[in-house]
């Protein structure tokens, strides 16, 4: 019986990877410029002793809820985020400040440590965004924008319960990569949110499609820290 359960678990994980449409492999019709190479990666020989913080900012699943006060606050007079803005920048619609994109891809453990130890723009209170925070950057893809039909949020991190419907994103356009990101990002970006079904997986957003999915934490993806 134990052997049967192990086989079924592995089979379910394989089905997930196929249906997810993300992961470290690019689509057959996608630009492969985000494929990981040795030059793109960071040195992770020094293990991180930083545990994921799980996200300090709780975001409601309803984009029209109680964030009006935070969204109107910009005491540091930071530039509003846009595809051409310099980081750090402020997303005035939700009140979050975003760092520059990390220049190199990294695995999940290193991504958590990277943000926790980042000092940028005079700020040192950055963290790796939760999946709800990361989804606030999605635009032009209604199903995966905040409040869309994709059920994956900080409060729902199970693939079986939350990730099967509406999370596959939108149509890939090699001539308009970055259209699904408020910051013009393309490629894969880590969140701090760990999967419930498979705890060595974490959720990410693949901005080329605007889709929401999760992958093994050893995979190398890009990072934008948030505060």
Protein backbone atom coordinates (compact mmCIF):
# COMPACT_ATOMS: atom_id res chain seq x y z
CA UNK A 1 0.00 0.00 0.00
CA UNK A 2 2.85 2.42 0.84
CA UNK A 3 4.47 1.74 -2.55
CA UNK A 4 1.15 2.43 -4.27
CA UNK A 5 0.77 5.76 -2.44
CA UNK A 6 4.30 6.81 -3.46
CA UNK A 7 3.60 5.97 -7.10
CA UNK A 8 0.31 7.86 -7.04
CA UNK A 9 2.01 10.91 -5.44
CA UNK A 10 4.72 10.97 -8.09
CA UNK A 11 2.12 10.56 -10.83
CA UNK A 12 0.07 13.46 -9.43
CA UNK A 13 3.18 15.65 -9.31
CA UNK A 14 4.00 14.80 -12.94
CA UNK A 15 0.47 15.72 -14.00
CA UNK A 16 0.82 19.02 -12.15
CA UNK A 17 4.07 19.91 -13.92
CA UNK A 18 2.56 19.19 -17.32
CA UNK A 19 -0.66 21.11 -16.61
CA UNK A 20 1.17 24.02 -15.00
CA UNK A 21 2.69 25.18 -18.26
CA UNK A 22 5.54 26.86 -16.41
CA UNK A 23 8.64 25.57 -14.71
CA UNK A 24 12.24 25.95 -15.77
CA UNK A 25 11.49 25.00 -19.38
CA UNK A 26 10.26 27.55 -21.86
CA UNK A 27 7.34 27.02 -24.20
CA UNK A 28 8.13 25.63 -27.64
CA UNK A 29 7.04 28.92 -29.19
CA UNK A 30 8.54 31.16 -26.53
CA UNK A 31 11.65 33.28 -26.71
CA UNK A 32 14.36 31.29 -24.95
CA UNK A 33 16.23 34.33 -23.67
CA UNK A 34 15.11 33.44 -20.13
CA UNK A 35 16.69 29.99 -20.26
CA UNK A 36 19.07 29.64 -17.33
CA UNK A 37 22.78 29.64 -18.09
CA UNK A 38 25.83 29.62 -15.84
CA UNK A 39 26.26 33.35 -16.44
CA UNK A 40 22.71 34.06 -15.28
CA UNK A 41 22.92 32.25 -11.96
CA UNK A 42 24.15 33.29 -8.56
CA UNK A 43 26.56 31.43 -6.33
CA UNK A 44 24.52 29.46 -3.82
CA UNK A 45 27.37 27.48 -2.29
CA UNK A 46 26.78 29.29 0.99
CA UNK A 47 23.47 27.91 2.33
CA UNK A 48 20.91 30.42 3.45
CA UNK A 49 19.85 30.32 7.07
CA UNK A 50 16.93 32.62 6.45
CA UNK A 51 13.47 31.13 6.65
CA UNK A 52 10.72 32.48 4.39
CA UNK A 53 8.78 35.17 6.17
CA UNK A 54 5.52 34.16 4.54
CA UNK A 55 4.85 37.78 3.62
CA UNK A 56 4.44 40.61 6.05
CA UNK A 57 1.66 42.26 4.07
CA UNK A 58 -1.75 40.60 3.94
CA UNK A 59 -3.56 41.41 0.70
CA UNK A 60 -7.28 40.97 0.32
CA UNK A 61 -8.53 38.87 -2.56
CA UNK A 62 -10.79 41.80 -3.44
CA UNK A 63 -8.82 44.54 -5.25
CA UNK A 64 -11.41 47.14 -4.26
CA UNK A 65 -11.22 46.43 -0.54
CA UNK A 66 -9.50 48.28 2.27
CA UNK A 67 -6.24 49.45 0.67
CA UNK A 68 -7.25 52.98 -0.22
CA UNK A 69 -5.32 54.51 2.68
CA UNK A 70 -2.13 52.58 1.89
CA UNK A 71 -2.43 53.33 -1.82
CA UNK A 72 -2.65 57.08 -1.19
CA UNK A 73 0.39 57.14 1.06
CA UNK A 74 3.71 58.01 -0.56
CA UNK A 75 5.71 59.76 2.16
CA UNK A 76 9.02 59.13 0.36
CA UNK A 77 7.73 60.69 -2.85
CA UNK A 78 8.83 57.71 -4.89
CA UNK A 79 8.09 57.56 -8.64
CA UNK A 80 5.00 55.63 -9.59
CA UNK A 81 5.76 52.18 -11.03
CA UNK A 82 5.61 51.77 -14.79
CA UNK A 83 7.42 49.67 -17.40
CA UNK A 84 9.98 52.47 -17.77
CA UNK A 85 10.30 53.65 -14.16
CA UNK A 86 13.50 53.41 -12.17
CA UNK A 87 13.43 51.24 -9.06
CA UNK A 88 12.57 51.48 -6.28
CA UNK A 89 9.13 52.64 -7.32
CA UNK A 90 5.71 52.83 -5.72
CA UNK A 91 2.59 51.07 -6.97
CA UNK A 92 0.15 53.73 -5.86
CA UNK A 93 -2.85 51.50 -6.60
CA UNK A 94 -1.91 49.10 -3.80
CA UNK A 95 0.73 50.94 -1.76
CA UNK A 96 3.65 48.55 -2.33
CA UNK A 97 7.22 49.58 -3.15
CA UNK A 98 9.17 47.41 -5.61
CA UNK A 99 12.91 46.99 -6.01
CA UNK A 100 14.84 46.61 -9.23
CA UNK A 101 14.78 43.16 -10.77
CA UNK A 102 17.64 41.00 -9.55
CA UNK A 103 20.25 40.82 -12.31
CA UNK A 104 20.71 37.08 -11.95
CA UNK A 105 18.33 34.19 -11.44
CA UNK A 106 18.48 32.26 -8.17
CA UNK A 107 16.88 29.35 -6.38
CA UNK A 108 14.07 29.95 -3.89
CA UNK A 109 16.11 29.73 -0.68
CA UNK A 110 18.62 32.22 -2.02
CA UNK A 111 15.78 34.47 -3.25
CA UNK A 112 14.35 34.68 0.28
CA UNK A 113 17.78 35.50 1.71
CA UNK A 114 18.54 37.97 -1.10
CA UNK A 115 15.48 40.08 -0.35
CA UNK A 116 15.85 39.87 3.43
CA UNK A 117 19.40 41.21 3.11
CA UNK A 118 18.83 43.72 0.31
CA UNK A 119 19.60 47.40 0.81
CA UNK A 120 18.36 49.52 -2.09
CA UNK A 121 17.31 53.13 -2.37
CA UNK A 122 18.14 53.63 1.29
CA UNK A 123 15.68 50.89 2.38
CA UNK A 124 16.59 47.64 4.12
CA UNK A 125 13.14 46.24 4.97
CA UNK A 126 12.59 44.31 1.72
CA UNK A 127 11.14 40.81 1.50
CA UNK A 128 10.38 38.28 -1.21
CA UNK A 129 6.76 38.99 -2.26
CA UNK A 130 3.99 36.60 -1.37
CA UNK A 131 1.98 35.25 -4.29
CA UNK A 132 -0.82 37.76 -3.59
CA UNK A 133 1.70 40.60 -3.64
CA UNK A 134 3.33 39.32 -6.82
CA UNK A 135 -0.06 39.01 -8.52
CA UNK A 136 -0.64 42.75 -8.02
CA UNK A 137 1.97 43.27 -10.76
CA UNK A 138 -0.06 41.32 -13.34
CA UNK A 139 -1.98 43.44 -15.83
CA UNK A 140 -3.92 42.86 -19.07
CA UNK A 141 -4.69 39.27 -18.01
CA UNK A 142 -7.99 39.33 -16.06
CA UNK A 143 -7.95 35.71 -14.87
CA UNK A 144 -4.68 36.08 -12.95
CA UNK A 145 -4.87 39.73 -11.93
CA UNK A 146 -5.76 40.34 -8.30
CA UNK A 147 -9.38 39.29 -7.82
CA UNK A 148 -9.40 37.18 -11.01
CA UNK A 149 -10.65 33.63 -11.37
CA UNK A 150 -7.27 32.15 -10.42
CA UNK A 151 -7.78 31.03 -6.84
CA UNK A 152 -4.14 31.08 -5.71
CA UNK A 153 -3.68 33.69 -2.97
CA UNK A 154 -1.86 33.98 0.34
CA UNK A 155 -4.87 32.24 1.88
CA UNK A 156 -5.14 29.44 -0.69
CA UNK A 157 -1.88 27.74 -1.66
CA UNK A 158 -3.05 24.26 -2.63
CA UNK A 159 -2.75 23.32 -6.30
CA UNK A 160 -5.65 20.89 -6.05
CA UNK A 161 -7.96 23.38 -4.39
CA UNK A 162 -6.84 26.70 -5.86
CA UNK A 163 -4.56 26.33 -8.85
CA UNK A 164 -6.49 24.33 -11.41
CA UNK A 165 -8.89 26.97 -12.64
CA UNK A 166 -8.06 30.28 -14.27
CA UNK A 167 -4.34 30.28 -13.51
CA UNK A 168 -3.02 29.43 -16.98
CA UNK A 169 -2.73 33.07 -17.96
CA UNK A 170 -3.09 34.63 -21.40
CA UNK A 171 -1.68 34.36 -24.93
CA UNK A 172 2.08 34.61 -25.41
CA UNK A 173 3.24 37.33 -27.80
CA UNK A 174 6.95 37.30 -28.59
CA UNK A 175 6.68 40.85 -29.94
CA UNK A 176 5.08 42.16 -26.77
CA UNK A 177 6.82 40.41 -23.90
CA UNK A 178 6.21 42.26 -20.67
CA UNK A 179 2.65 43.24 -21.54
CA UNK A 180 1.34 41.30 -18.54
CA UNK A 181 3.55 43.10 -16.01
CA UNK A 182 3.11 46.61 -14.60
CA UNK A 183 6.91 46.79 -14.58
CA UNK A 184 7.38 45.39 -18.06
CA UNK A 185 8.87 42.15 -16.75
CA UNK A 186 9.12 38.94 -18.74
CA UNK A 187 10.26 35.55 -17.52
CA UNK A 188 9.71 33.66 -14.27
CA UNK A 189 9.59 35.37 -10.85
CA UNK A 190 9.57 33.70 -7.43
CA UNK A 191 7.09 34.41 -4.66
CA UNK A 192 7.73 33.52 -1.03
CA UNK A 193 4.61 31.34 -0.89
CA UNK A 194 5.20 27.62 -0.42
CA UNK A 195 2.83 25.09 -1.95
CA UNK A 196 0.61 23.20 0.47
CA UNK A 197 0.42 19.98 -1.54
CA UNK A 198 4.18 19.77 -2.18
CA UNK A 199 6.16 21.75 0.41
CA UNK A 200 9.39 21.72 -1.59
CA UNK A 201 7.55 23.67 -4.31
CA UNK A 202 6.86 27.42 -4.24
CA UNK A 203 4.53 29.60 -6.28
CA UNK A 204 5.73 31.86 -9.09
CA UNK A 205 4.41 34.11 -11.85
CA UNK A 206 5.53 33.63 -15.45
CA UNK A 207 4.97 37.07 -16.92
CA UNK A 208 5.33 35.99 -20.56
CA UNK A 209 1.90 34.38 -20.16
CA UNK A 210 0.75 36.09 -16.96
CA UNK A 211 0.21 32.62 -15.50
CA UNK A 212 0.43 31.56 -11.86
CA UNK A 213 2.01 28.23 -11.01
CA UNK A 214 4.56 26.54 -8.74
CA UNK A 215 7.84 24.71 -9.15
CA UNK A 216 10.61 22.99 -7.22
CA UNK A 217 12.46 25.46 -4.98
CA UNK A 218 15.79 24.40 -6.48
CA UNK A 219 14.81 26.01 -9.81
CA UNK A 220 16.44 29.32 -10.74
CA UNK A 221 14.07 32.25 -11.34
CA UNK A 222 14.22 36.04 -11.24
CA UNK A 223 13.35 38.10 -8.17
CA UNK A 224 11.78 41.46 -7.43
CA UNK A 225 11.77 42.32 -3.75
CA UNK A 226 8.95 44.32 -2.18
CA UNK A 227 8.36 46.42 0.92
